[in-house]
Amino acid sequence: MRTTYMAKPQEVKRKWYIIDGEGKVLGRLAAEAAKILRGKHKPDFTPHVNTGDHVIIINAEKVVLTGNKLRQKMYYRHSGYPGGIKATRYDQLMQTKPELAVYKAVTGMLPHNSLGRDMARKLRVYRGSEHPHQAQQPEIWEM
């Protein structure tokens, strides 16, 4: 009788990938990054184990939002106090903190539990084309 292979956390081999965000649509970039972080591109994907790889996203400031999303899409955060909701339009967010916009898009596509938080720790987002991870010998991921 054959049994399904289940990856064990100590057996997972992790690689590093770079995704260049220049000219890419935010949602499609985030979906690709979430797929790598989750490990769905590997043949030994296991839903309950963090089998994903590390992802470095560069040129976050050059990511594109289609349609009227720059003016209409809002980023909300709450202080925890009554009436403490803050709203920022994406055109302002992309000027001040483009890394946050990309980070939130990717983490929103990961599981919303402790497994997803572990996956999000392997994501690094940088505004420009420079990153401090040359020692990890990252490979370029083609979309």
N, C-alpha and C. Protein backbone atom coordinates (compact mmCIF):
# COMPACT_ATOMS: atom_id res chain seq x y z
N MET A 1 0.83 -1.18 0.00
CA MET A 1 0.00 0.00 0.00
C MET A 1 0.88 1.24 0.00
N ARG A 2 0.55 2.21 -0.86
CA ARG A 2 1.33 3.45 -0.93
C ARG A 2 0.76 4.46 0.06
N THR A 3 1.64 5.24 0.64
CA THR A 3 1.19 6.30 1.54
C THR A 3 1.65 7.64 0.98
N THR A 4 0.95 8.68 1.33
CA THR A 4 1.29 10.02 0.89
C THR A 4 2.48 10.52 1.66
N TYR A 5 3.42 11.13 0.95
CA TYR A 5 4.61 11.67 1.61
C TYR A 5 4.25 12.96 2.34
N MET A 6 4.64 13.08 3.59
CA MET A 6 4.45 14.29 4.37
C MET A 6 5.84 14.82 4.75
N ALA A 7 6.14 16.03 4.36
CA ALA A 7 7.43 16.63 4.69
C ALA A 7 7.51 16.90 6.18
N LYS A 8 8.71 16.74 6.72
CA LYS A 8 8.95 17.06 8.12
C LYS A 8 9.73 18.38 8.19
N PRO A 9 9.46 19.21 9.18
CA PRO A 9 10.10 20.54 9.23
C PRO A 9 11.62 20.49 9.18
N GLN A 10 12.25 19.49 9.78
CA GLN A 10 13.71 19.43 9.78
C GLN A 10 14.29 18.95 8.44
N GLU A 11 13.46 18.39 7.56
CA GLU A 11 13.93 17.89 6.27
C GLU A 11 13.86 18.93 5.16
N VAL A 12 13.21 20.07 5.42
CA VAL A 12 12.98 21.06 4.36
C VAL A 12 14.27 21.80 4.02
N LYS A 13 14.59 21.84 2.73
CA LYS A 13 15.74 22.60 2.23
C LYS A 13 15.22 23.92 1.70
N ARG A 14 15.71 25.01 2.26
CA ARG A 14 15.22 26.34 1.86
C ARG A 14 16.20 27.03 0.93
N LYS A 15 15.63 27.68 -0.09
CA LYS A 15 16.42 28.48 -1.02
C LYS A 15 15.98 29.93 -0.90
N TRP A 16 16.71 30.82 -1.52
CA TRP A 16 16.40 32.25 -1.52
C TRP A 16 16.10 32.67 -2.94
N TYR A 17 15.04 33.44 -3.12
CA TYR A 17 14.66 33.94 -4.44
C TYR A 17 14.47 35.45 -4.40
N ILE A 18 14.81 36.10 -5.51
CA ILE A 18 14.59 37.54 -5.68
C ILE A 18 13.49 37.72 -6.71
N ILE A 19 12.50 38.57 -6.38
CA ILE A 19 11.47 38.95 -7.34
C ILE A 19 11.59 40.45 -7.56
N ASP A 20 11.75 40.86 -8.81
CA ASP A 20 11.84 42.27 -9.15
C ASP A 20 10.43 42.80 -9.40
N GLY A 21 10.03 43.81 -8.63
CA GLY A 21 8.68 44.34 -8.72
C GLY A 21 8.50 45.42 -9.77
N GLU A 22 9.54 45.75 -10.50
CA GLU A 22 9.44 46.86 -11.45
C GLU A 22 8.46 46.54 -12.57
N GLY A 23 7.40 47.37 -12.67
CA GLY A 23 6.40 47.21 -13.72
C GLY A 23 5.41 46.08 -13.49
N LYS A 24 5.51 45.35 -12.37
CA LYS A 24 4.60 44.24 -12.09
C LYS A 24 3.34 44.75 -11.40
N VAL A 25 2.22 44.11 -11.63
CA VAL A 25 0.96 44.44 -10.98
C VAL A 25 1.03 43.90 -9.54
N LEU A 26 0.60 44.71 -8.58
CA LEU A 26 0.74 44.38 -7.16
C LEU A 26 0.14 43.03 -6.80
N GLY A 27 -1.08 42.75 -7.20
CA GLY A 27 -1.74 41.50 -6.83
C GLY A 27 -1.08 40.28 -7.43
N ARG A 28 -0.64 40.38 -8.67
CA ARG A 28 0.01 39.23 -9.32
C ARG A 28 1.38 38.97 -8.71
N LEU A 29 2.10 40.03 -8.37
CA LEU A 29 3.38 39.90 -7.69
C LEU A 29 3.19 39.25 -6.33
N ALA A 30 2.17 39.69 -5.58
CA ALA A 30 1.91 39.15 -4.25
C ALA A 30 1.51 37.68 -4.31
N ALA A 31 0.72 37.31 -5.30
CA ALA A 31 0.30 35.91 -5.43
C ALA A 31 1.49 35.01 -5.71
N GLU A 32 2.40 35.48 -6.54
CA GLU A 32 3.60 34.68 -6.86
C GLU A 32 4.50 34.54 -5.64
N ALA A 33 4.69 35.63 -4.90
CA ALA A 33 5.51 35.59 -3.70
C ALA A 33 4.88 34.69 -2.64
N ALA A 34 3.56 34.76 -2.48
CA ALA A 34 2.87 33.92 -1.50
C ALA A 34 3.00 32.44 -1.86
N LYS A 35 2.97 32.13 -3.15
CA LYS A 35 3.13 30.74 -3.60
C LYS A 35 4.52 30.21 -3.19
N ILE A 36 5.56 31.03 -3.35
CA ILE A 36 6.91 30.60 -2.99
C ILE A 36 7.05 30.48 -1.48
N LEU A 37 6.52 31.46 -0.73
CA LEU A 37 6.60 31.43 0.73
C LEU A 37 5.86 30.22 1.29
N ARG A 38 4.77 29.85 0.67
CA ARG A 38 3.95 28.73 1.13
C ARG A 38 4.61 27.40 0.75
N GLY A 39 5.39 27.37 -0.35
CA GLY A 39 6.04 26.13 -0.77
C GLY A 39 5.28 25.37 -1.82
N LYS A 40 4.27 26.01 -2.44
CA LYS A 40 3.43 25.32 -3.41
C LYS A 40 4.16 25.03 -4.72
N HIS A 41 5.33 25.63 -4.94
CA HIS A 41 6.08 25.38 -6.15
C HIS A 41 6.95 24.13 -6.03
N LYS A 42 6.96 23.50 -4.87
CA LYS A 42 7.81 22.32 -4.62
C LYS A 42 6.98 21.04 -4.71
N PRO A 43 7.60 19.95 -5.15
CA PRO A 43 6.86 18.68 -5.22
C PRO A 43 6.55 18.10 -3.85
N ASP A 44 7.29 18.51 -2.80
CA ASP A 44 7.05 17.96 -1.46
C ASP A 44 6.20 18.90 -0.60
N PHE A 45 5.33 19.70 -1.23
CA PHE A 45 4.45 20.61 -0.49
C PHE A 45 3.57 19.84 0.47
N THR A 46 3.53 20.32 1.70
CA THR A 46 2.68 19.73 2.73
C THR A 46 1.90 20.87 3.37
N PRO A 47 0.56 20.81 3.40
CA PRO A 47 -0.23 21.95 3.87
C PRO A 47 0.04 22.39 5.31
N HIS A 48 0.35 21.44 6.20
CA HIS A 48 0.50 21.80 7.61
C HIS A 48 1.95 22.02 8.04
N VAL A 49 2.89 22.05 7.06
CA VAL A 49 4.31 22.28 7.36
C VAL A 49 4.78 23.47 6.55
N ASN A 50 5.63 24.28 7.15
CA ASN A 50 6.20 25.44 6.47
C ASN A 50 7.31 24.97 5.53
N THR A 51 6.96 24.64 4.29
CA THR A 51 7.94 24.10 3.33
C THR A 51 8.46 25.17 2.38
N GLY A 52 8.06 26.42 2.56
CA GLY A 52 8.39 27.47 1.60
C GLY A 52 9.82 27.96 1.68
N ASP A 53 10.16 28.80 0.73
CA ASP A 53 11.50 29.39 0.62
C ASP A 53 11.47 30.86 1.00
N HIS A 54 12.66 31.45 1.12
CA HIS A 54 12.78 32.88 1.42
C HIS A 54 12.56 33.69 0.15
N VAL A 55 11.90 34.85 0.29
CA VAL A 55 11.62 35.71 -0.86
C VAL A 55 12.11 37.13 -0.55
N ILE A 56 12.85 37.70 -1.51
CA ILE A 56 13.28 39.08 -1.44
C ILE A 56 12.59 39.81 -2.58
N ILE A 57 11.80 40.83 -2.27
CA ILE A 57 11.15 41.62 -3.30
C ILE A 57 11.86 42.97 -3.37
N ILE A 58 12.39 43.29 -4.56
CA ILE A 58 13.07 44.57 -4.74
C ILE A 58 12.23 45.47 -5.65
N ASN A 59 12.55 46.75 -5.67
CA ASN A 59 11.85 47.76 -6.47
C ASN A 59 10.36 47.82 -6.12
N ALA A 60 10.06 47.83 -4.82
CA ALA A 60 8.66 47.90 -4.38
C ALA A 60 8.02 49.22 -4.80
N GLU A 61 8.82 50.27 -4.93
CA GLU A 61 8.26 51.58 -5.31
C GLU A 61 7.80 51.62 -6.76
N LYS A 62 8.22 50.65 -7.58
CA LYS A 62 7.88 50.63 -9.00
C LYS A 62 6.76 49.64 -9.33
N VAL A 63 6.09 49.13 -8.28
CA VAL A 63 4.96 48.23 -8.47
C VAL A 63 3.76 49.04 -8.98
N VAL A 64 2.96 48.42 -9.83
CA VAL A 64 1.84 49.11 -10.48
C VAL A 64 0.51 48.64 -9.89
N LEU A 65 -0.41 49.58 -9.69
CA LEU A 65 -1.79 49.25 -9.35
C LEU A 65 -2.65 49.62 -10.55
N THR A 66 -3.54 48.72 -10.98
CA THR A 66 -4.32 48.95 -12.18
C THR A 66 -5.61 49.69 -11.87
N GLY A 67 -6.23 50.22 -12.88
CA GLY A 67 -7.51 50.90 -12.74
C GLY A 67 -7.40 52.15 -11.87
N ASN A 68 -8.42 52.38 -11.05
CA ASN A 68 -8.45 53.54 -10.17
C ASN A 68 -8.00 53.21 -8.75
N LYS A 69 -7.29 52.08 -8.57
CA LYS A 69 -6.95 51.65 -7.22
C LYS A 69 -6.07 52.64 -6.49
N LEU A 70 -5.20 53.35 -7.18
CA LEU A 70 -4.34 54.32 -6.50
C LEU A 70 -5.16 55.37 -5.76
N ARG A 71 -6.27 55.80 -6.36
CA ARG A 71 -7.09 56.83 -5.73
C ARG A 71 -8.19 56.25 -4.84
N GLN A 72 -8.70 55.06 -5.15
CA GLN A 72 -9.87 54.54 -4.44
C GLN A 72 -9.55 53.51 -3.36
N LYS A 73 -8.50 52.74 -3.54
CA LYS A 73 -8.16 51.70 -2.56
C LYS A 73 -7.60 52.36 -1.30
N MET A 74 -8.03 51.83 -0.15
CA MET A 74 -7.61 52.41 1.13
C MET A 74 -6.85 51.38 1.96
N TYR A 75 -5.89 51.87 2.74
CA TYR A 75 -5.17 51.05 3.71
C TYR A 75 -5.65 51.49 5.09
N TYR A 76 -6.21 50.56 5.87
CA TYR A 76 -6.76 50.88 7.18
C TYR A 76 -5.89 50.29 8.27
N ARG A 77 -5.79 51.04 9.37
CA ARG A 77 -5.17 50.50 10.57
C ARG A 77 -5.94 51.07 11.76
N HIS A 78 -5.88 50.37 12.89
CA HIS A 78 -6.66 50.78 14.06
C HIS A 78 -5.75 50.78 15.28
N SER A 79 -5.87 51.83 16.09
CA SER A 79 -5.03 51.97 17.28
C SER A 79 -5.48 51.07 18.42
N GLY A 80 -6.71 50.59 18.36
CA GLY A 80 -7.25 49.78 19.44
C GLY A 80 -8.16 50.57 20.36
N TYR A 81 -8.17 51.87 20.21
CA TYR A 81 -9.03 52.73 21.01
C TYR A 81 -10.31 53.05 20.23
N PRO A 82 -11.39 53.40 20.94
CA PRO A 82 -12.62 53.77 20.24
C PRO A 82 -12.39 54.96 19.31
N GLY A 83 -12.84 54.85 18.08
CA GLY A 83 -12.65 55.92 17.11
C GLY A 83 -11.23 56.02 16.60
N GLY A 84 -10.42 55.00 16.83
CA GLY A 84 -9.00 55.06 16.48
C GLY A 84 -8.65 54.51 15.12
N ILE A 85 -9.59 54.51 14.17
CA ILE A 85 -9.29 53.98 12.84
C ILE A 85 -8.61 55.06 12.00
N LYS A 86 -7.60 54.67 11.27
CA LYS A 86 -6.88 55.59 10.39
C LYS A 86 -6.97 55.01 8.98
N ALA A 87 -7.16 55.87 8.01
CA ALA A 87 -7.26 55.43 6.61
C ALA A 87 -6.27 56.22 5.78
N THR A 88 -5.59 55.53 4.86
CA THR A 88 -4.63 56.15 3.96
C THR A 88 -4.91 55.65 2.56
N ARG A 89 -4.99 56.57 1.60
CA ARG A 89 -5.17 56.16 0.21
C ARG A 89 -3.86 55.56 -0.31
N TYR A 90 -4.00 54.66 -1.29
CA TYR A 90 -2.82 53.96 -1.79
C TYR A 90 -1.86 54.87 -2.55
N ASP A 91 -2.32 55.98 -3.13
CA ASP A 91 -1.38 56.87 -3.80
C ASP A 91 -0.43 57.50 -2.78
N GLN A 92 -0.93 57.82 -1.58
CA GLN A 92 -0.07 58.34 -0.52
C GLN A 92 0.81 57.24 0.05
N LEU A 93 0.24 56.05 0.22
CA LEU A 93 1.00 54.93 0.78
C LEU A 93 2.15 54.52 -0.14
N MET A 94 1.91 54.52 -1.45
CA MET A 94 2.97 54.14 -2.39
C MET A 94 4.08 55.19 -2.45
N GLN A 95 3.79 56.43 -2.11
CA GLN A 95 4.83 57.46 -2.06
C GLN A 95 5.65 57.36 -0.79
N THR A 96 4.98 57.11 0.35
CA THR A 96 5.68 57.11 1.63
C THR A 96 6.22 55.74 2.03
N LYS A 97 5.41 54.68 1.92
CA LYS A 97 5.82 53.34 2.38
C LYS A 97 5.43 52.27 1.37
N PRO A 98 6.07 52.22 0.20
CA PRO A 98 5.70 51.19 -0.76
C PRO A 98 6.00 49.77 -0.26
N GLU A 99 6.98 49.64 0.63
CA GLU A 99 7.32 48.32 1.18
C GLU A 99 6.13 47.76 1.96
N LEU A 100 5.44 48.63 2.70
CA LEU A 100 4.29 48.19 3.49
C LEU A 100 3.14 47.73 2.60
N ALA A 101 2.92 48.44 1.50
CA ALA A 101 1.84 48.06 0.58
C ALA A 101 2.09 46.67 0.01
N VAL A 102 3.32 46.39 -0.39
CA VAL A 102 3.65 45.07 -0.95
C VAL A 102 3.60 44.01 0.14
N TYR A 103 4.13 44.32 1.32
CA TYR A 103 4.14 43.37 2.43
C TYR A 103 2.72 42.96 2.81
N LYS A 104 1.81 43.94 2.93
CA LYS A 104 0.43 43.65 3.30
C LYS A 104 -0.28 42.84 2.22
N ALA A 105 0.03 43.10 0.96
CA ALA A 105 -0.59 42.34 -0.13
C ALA A 105 -0.17 40.87 -0.06
N VAL A 106 1.12 40.62 0.21
CA VAL A 106 1.62 39.24 0.26
C VAL A 106 1.09 38.52 1.50
N THR A 107 1.19 39.15 2.67
CA THR A 107 0.77 38.48 3.90
C THR A 107 -0.74 38.24 3.92
N GLY A 108 -1.51 39.05 3.19
CA GLY A 108 -2.94 38.81 3.10
C GLY A 108 -3.28 37.55 2.32
N MET A 109 -2.33 37.04 1.54
CA MET A 109 -2.55 35.82 0.76
C MET A 109 -1.99 34.58 1.44
N LEU A 110 -1.43 34.74 2.63
CA LEU A 110 -0.92 33.62 3.40
C LEU A 110 -1.97 33.19 4.42
N PRO A 111 -1.84 31.98 4.99
CA PRO A 111 -2.80 31.56 6.02
C PRO A 111 -2.77 32.52 7.21
N HIS A 112 -3.92 32.77 7.79
CA HIS A 112 -4.03 33.70 8.92
C HIS A 112 -3.97 32.93 10.24
N ASN A 113 -2.81 32.32 10.49
CA ASN A 113 -2.59 31.57 11.72
C ASN A 113 -1.08 31.56 12.00
N SER A 114 -0.64 30.76 12.95
CA SER A 114 0.78 30.76 13.31
C SER A 114 1.65 30.27 12.16
N LEU A 115 1.13 29.37 11.33
CA LEU A 115 1.88 28.90 10.17
C LEU A 115 2.11 30.04 9.18
N GLY A 116 1.10 30.84 8.95
CA GLY A 116 1.23 31.99 8.06
C GLY A 116 2.20 33.03 8.59
N ARG A 117 2.22 33.23 9.91
CA ARG A 117 3.17 34.18 10.51
C ARG A 117 4.60 33.70 10.35
N ASP A 118 4.82 32.37 10.45
CA ASP A 118 6.15 31.81 10.20
C ASP A 118 6.57 32.03 8.75
N MET A 119 5.62 31.88 7.83
CA MET A 119 5.92 32.09 6.41
C MET A 119 6.25 33.55 6.14
N ALA A 120 5.52 34.46 6.79
CA ALA A 120 5.74 35.90 6.57
C ALA A 120 7.11 36.34 7.06
N ARG A 121 7.71 35.63 8.00
CA ARG A 121 9.05 35.98 8.49
C ARG A 121 10.13 35.74 7.44
N LYS A 122 9.80 34.96 6.40
CA LYS A 122 10.77 34.70 5.34
C LYS A 122 10.64 35.68 4.17
N LEU A 123 9.83 36.72 4.35
CA LEU A 123 9.62 37.73 3.30
C LEU A 123 10.40 38.99 3.64
N ARG A 124 11.16 39.50 2.66
CA ARG A 124 11.86 40.77 2.81
C ARG A 124 11.49 41.65 1.61
N VAL A 125 11.10 42.89 1.89
CA VAL A 125 10.68 43.82 0.84
C VAL A 125 11.55 45.06 0.92
N TYR A 126 12.09 45.49 -0.24
CA TYR A 126 12.95 46.67 -0.30
C TYR A 126 12.44 47.63 -1.35
N ARG A 127 12.53 48.91 -1.02
CA ARG A 127 12.05 49.98 -1.89
C ARG A 127 12.82 50.04 -3.20
N GLY A 128 14.13 50.01 -3.14
CA GLY A 128 14.97 50.12 -4.33
C GLY A 128 15.48 48.78 -4.79
N SER A 129 16.54 48.81 -5.59
CA SER A 129 17.09 47.57 -6.16
C SER A 129 18.21 46.98 -5.32
N GLU A 130 18.58 47.62 -4.21
CA GLU A 130 19.65 47.11 -3.34
C GLU A 130 19.06 46.29 -2.21
N HIS A 131 19.76 45.20 -1.84
CA HIS A 131 19.36 44.39 -0.69
C HIS A 131 20.60 43.80 -0.05
N PRO A 132 20.59 43.56 1.27
CA PRO A 132 21.78 43.08 1.98
C PRO A 132 21.89 41.56 2.08
N HIS A 133 21.36 40.81 1.12
CA HIS A 133 21.32 39.35 1.23
C HIS A 133 22.16 38.65 0.17
N GLN A 134 23.25 39.27 -0.25
CA GLN A 134 24.12 38.64 -1.26
C GLN A 134 24.76 37.36 -0.74
N ALA A 135 25.02 37.29 0.57
CA ALA A 135 25.68 36.12 1.15
C ALA A 135 24.81 34.86 1.03
N GLN A 136 23.50 35.02 0.91
CA GLN A 136 22.61 33.87 0.79
C GLN A 136 22.52 33.36 -0.64
N GLN A 137 23.18 34.02 -1.59
CA GLN A 137 23.21 33.64 -3.01
C GLN A 137 21.79 33.42 -3.54
N PRO A 138 20.97 34.47 -3.52
CA PRO A 138 19.59 34.31 -4.01
C PRO A 138 19.53 34.13 -5.52
N GLU A 139 18.54 33.36 -5.96
CA GLU A 139 18.32 33.17 -7.40
C GLU A 139 17.19 34.11 -7.84
N ILE A 140 17.23 34.52 -9.10
CA ILE A 140 16.19 35.40 -9.63
C ILE A 140 14.99 34.53 -10.04
N TRP A 141 13.80 34.90 -9.57
CA TRP A 141 12.57 34.19 -9.89
C TRP A 141 11.90 34.89 -11.07
N GLU A 142 11.69 34.16 -12.15
CA GLU A 142 11.03 34.72 -13.33
C GLU A 142 9.54 34.49 -13.24
N MET A 143 8.77 35.57 -13.44
CA MET A 143 7.32 35.46 -13.38
C MET A 143 6.76 35.27 -14.78
